[in-house]
Amino acid sequence: MKVAVSIPDDVYAEADRVAQQRGVNRSALYTRALRRLLVDEEGDALTRIIDDTCDEGDREDLADVARADLVDSGAWTW
């Protein structure tokens, strides 16, 4: 898919330099960078979920919170 985006001149120049050093075109470099960002964002979302779960209970009661979340999720059946 072709898209048009605006980026600062200095970022463009640095990206062009890095692409040349690595022997790839800009499209390949931008694709790789976006994939890394998306993976990082997904990891951040997981971290937020874990943090939210930890905030729901007393720190000394984290095992009970985790068990309750597991049962509530339907992943565990009796």
C-alpha atoms as a PDB file:
ATOM      1  CA  MET A   1       0.000   0.000   0.000  1.00  0.00           C
ATOM      2  CA  LYS A   2       1.299   3.419  -0.828  1.00  0.00           C
ATOM      3  CA  VAL A   3       0.783   6.228   1.657  1.00  0.00           C
ATOM      4  CA  ALA A   4       1.953   9.797   1.929  1.00  0.00           C
ATOM      5  CA  VAL A   5       3.197  11.052   5.266  1.00  0.00           C
ATOM      6  CA  SER A   6       4.953  14.190   6.418  1.00  0.00           C
ATOM      7  CA  ILE A   7       8.070  13.881   8.546  1.00  0.00           C
ATOM      8  CA  PRO A   8      10.651  16.456   9.595  1.00  0.00           C
ATOM      9  CA  ASP A   9      13.540  16.965   7.181  1.00  0.00           C
ATOM     10  CA  ASP A  10      16.139  15.851   9.723  1.00  0.00           C
ATOM     11  CA  VAL A  11      14.283  12.573  10.408  1.00  0.00           C
ATOM     12  CA  TYR A  12      13.980  11.932   6.668  1.00  0.00           C
ATOM     13  CA  ALA A  13      17.694  12.557   6.121  1.00  0.00           C
ATOM     14  CA  GLU A  14      18.694  10.283   9.015  1.00  0.00           C
ATOM     15  CA  ALA A  15      16.337   7.538   7.837  1.00  0.00           C
ATOM     16  CA  ASP A  16      17.745   7.813   4.318  1.00  0.00           C
ATOM     17  CA  ARG A  17      21.299   7.528   5.693  1.00  0.00           C
ATOM     18  CA  VAL A  18      20.426   4.469   7.799  1.00  0.00           C
ATOM     19  CA  ALA A  19      18.625   2.818   4.873  1.00  0.00           C
ATOM     20  CA  GLN A  20      21.696   3.272   2.679  1.00  0.00           C
ATOM     21  CA  GLN A  21      23.998   1.910   5.392  1.00  0.00           C
ATOM     22  CA  ARG A  22      21.827  -1.180   5.737  1.00  0.00           C
ATOM     23  CA  GLY A  23      21.380  -1.629   2.016  1.00  0.00           C
ATOM     24  CA  VAL A  24      17.584  -1.370   2.113  1.00  0.00           C
ATOM     25  CA  ASN A  25      15.173   1.080   0.576  1.00  0.00           C
ATOM     26  CA  ARG A  26      13.254   3.594   2.672  1.00  0.00           C
ATOM     27  CA  SER A  27      10.029   1.589   2.423  1.00  0.00           C
ATOM     28  CA  ALA A  28      11.714  -1.440   3.995  1.00  0.00           C
ATOM     29  CA  LEU A  29      13.255   0.703   6.723  1.00  0.00           C
ATOM     30  CA  TYR A  30       9.953   2.438   7.546  1.00  0.00           C
ATOM     31  CA  THR A  31       8.111  -0.891   7.545  1.00  0.00           C
ATOM     32  CA  ARG A  32      10.631  -2.363   9.976  1.00  0.00           C
ATOM     33  CA  ALA A  33      10.421   0.683  12.243  1.00  0.00           C
ATOM     34  CA  LEU A  34       6.617   0.615  12.275  1.00  0.00           C
ATOM     35  CA  ARG A  35       6.564  -3.107  13.045  1.00  0.00           C
ATOM     36  CA  ARG A  36       8.844  -2.523  16.033  1.00  0.00           C
ATOM     37  CA  LEU A  37       6.645   0.324  17.236  1.00  0.00           C
ATOM     38  CA  LEU A  38       3.522  -1.816  16.948  1.00  0.00           C
ATOM     39  CA  VAL A  39       5.135  -4.637  18.923  1.00  0.00           C
ATOM     40  CA  ASP A  40       6.205  -2.141  21.597  1.00  0.00           C
ATOM     41  CA  GLU A  41       2.699  -0.686  21.751  1.00  0.00           C
ATOM     42  CA  GLU A  42       1.206  -4.164  22.147  1.00  0.00           C
ATOM     43  CA  GLY A  43       3.634  -4.850  24.987  1.00  0.00           C
ATOM     44  CA  ASP A  44       2.687  -1.552  26.590  1.00  0.00           C
ATOM     45  CA  ALA A  45      -0.994  -2.526  26.450  1.00  0.00           C
ATOM     46  CA  LEU A  46      -0.205  -5.822  28.189  1.00  0.00           C
ATOM     47  CA  THR A  47       1.797  -3.968  30.830  1.00  0.00           C
ATOM     48  CA  ARG A  48      -1.160  -1.629  31.436  1.00  0.00           C
ATOM     49  CA  ILE A  49      -3.490  -4.622  31.880  1.00  0.00           C
ATOM     50  CA  ILE A  50      -1.106  -6.203  34.376  1.00  0.00           C
ATOM     51  CA  ASP A  51      -0.667  -2.906  36.223  1.00  0.00           C
ATOM     52  CA  ASP A  52      -4.430  -2.362  36.355  1.00  0.00           C
ATOM     53  CA  THR A  53      -4.889  -5.853  37.784  1.00  0.00           C
ATOM     54  CA  CYS A  54      -2.259  -5.208  40.428  1.00  0.00           C
ATOM     55  CA  ASP A  55      -3.908  -1.924  41.378  1.00  0.00           C
ATOM     56  CA  GLU A  56      -7.241  -3.673  42.031  1.00  0.00           C
ATOM     57  CA  GLY A  57      -6.083  -5.358  45.207  1.00  0.00           C
ATOM     58  CA  ASP A  58      -3.802  -5.026  48.133  1.00  0.00           C
ATOM     59  CA  ARG A  59      -0.187  -5.713  47.116  1.00  0.00           C
ATOM     60  CA  GLU A  60      -0.092  -8.545  49.640  1.00  0.00           C
ATOM     61  CA  ASP A  61      -3.154 -10.042  48.023  1.00  0.00           C
ATOM     62  CA  LEU A  62      -1.937 -10.191  44.394  1.00  0.00           C
ATOM     63  CA  ALA A  63      -2.274 -13.979  44.190  1.00  0.00           C
ATOM     64  CA  ASP A  64      -5.959 -13.701  45.127  1.00  0.00           C
ATOM     65  CA  VAL A  65      -6.475 -10.954  42.519  1.00  0.00           C
ATOM     66  CA  ALA A  66      -4.794 -13.102  39.852  1.00  0.00           C
ATOM     67  CA  ARG A  67      -6.916 -16.118  40.782  1.00  0.00           C
ATOM     68  CA  ALA A  68     -10.102 -14.055  40.692  1.00  0.00           C
ATOM     69  CA  ASP A  69      -9.185 -12.620  37.272  1.00  0.00           C
ATOM     70  CA  LEU A  70      -8.483 -16.113  35.963  1.00  0.00           C
ATOM     71  CA  VAL A  71     -11.828 -17.435  37.154  1.00  0.00           C
ATOM     72  CA  ASP A  72     -13.692 -14.333  35.906  1.00  0.00           C
ATOM     73  CA  SER A  73     -12.076 -14.630  32.477  1.00  0.00           C
ATOM     74  CA  GLY A  74     -13.680 -18.025  31.921  1.00  0.00           C
ATOM     75  CA  ALA A  75     -10.260 -19.557  31.183  1.00  0.00           C
ATOM     76  CA  TRP A  76     -10.603 -21.654  34.343  1.00  0.00           C
ATOM     77  CA  THR A  77     -13.515 -23.874  35.107  1.00  0.00           C
ATOM     78  CA  TRP A  78     -14.277 -25.831  38.250  1.00  0.00           C
END
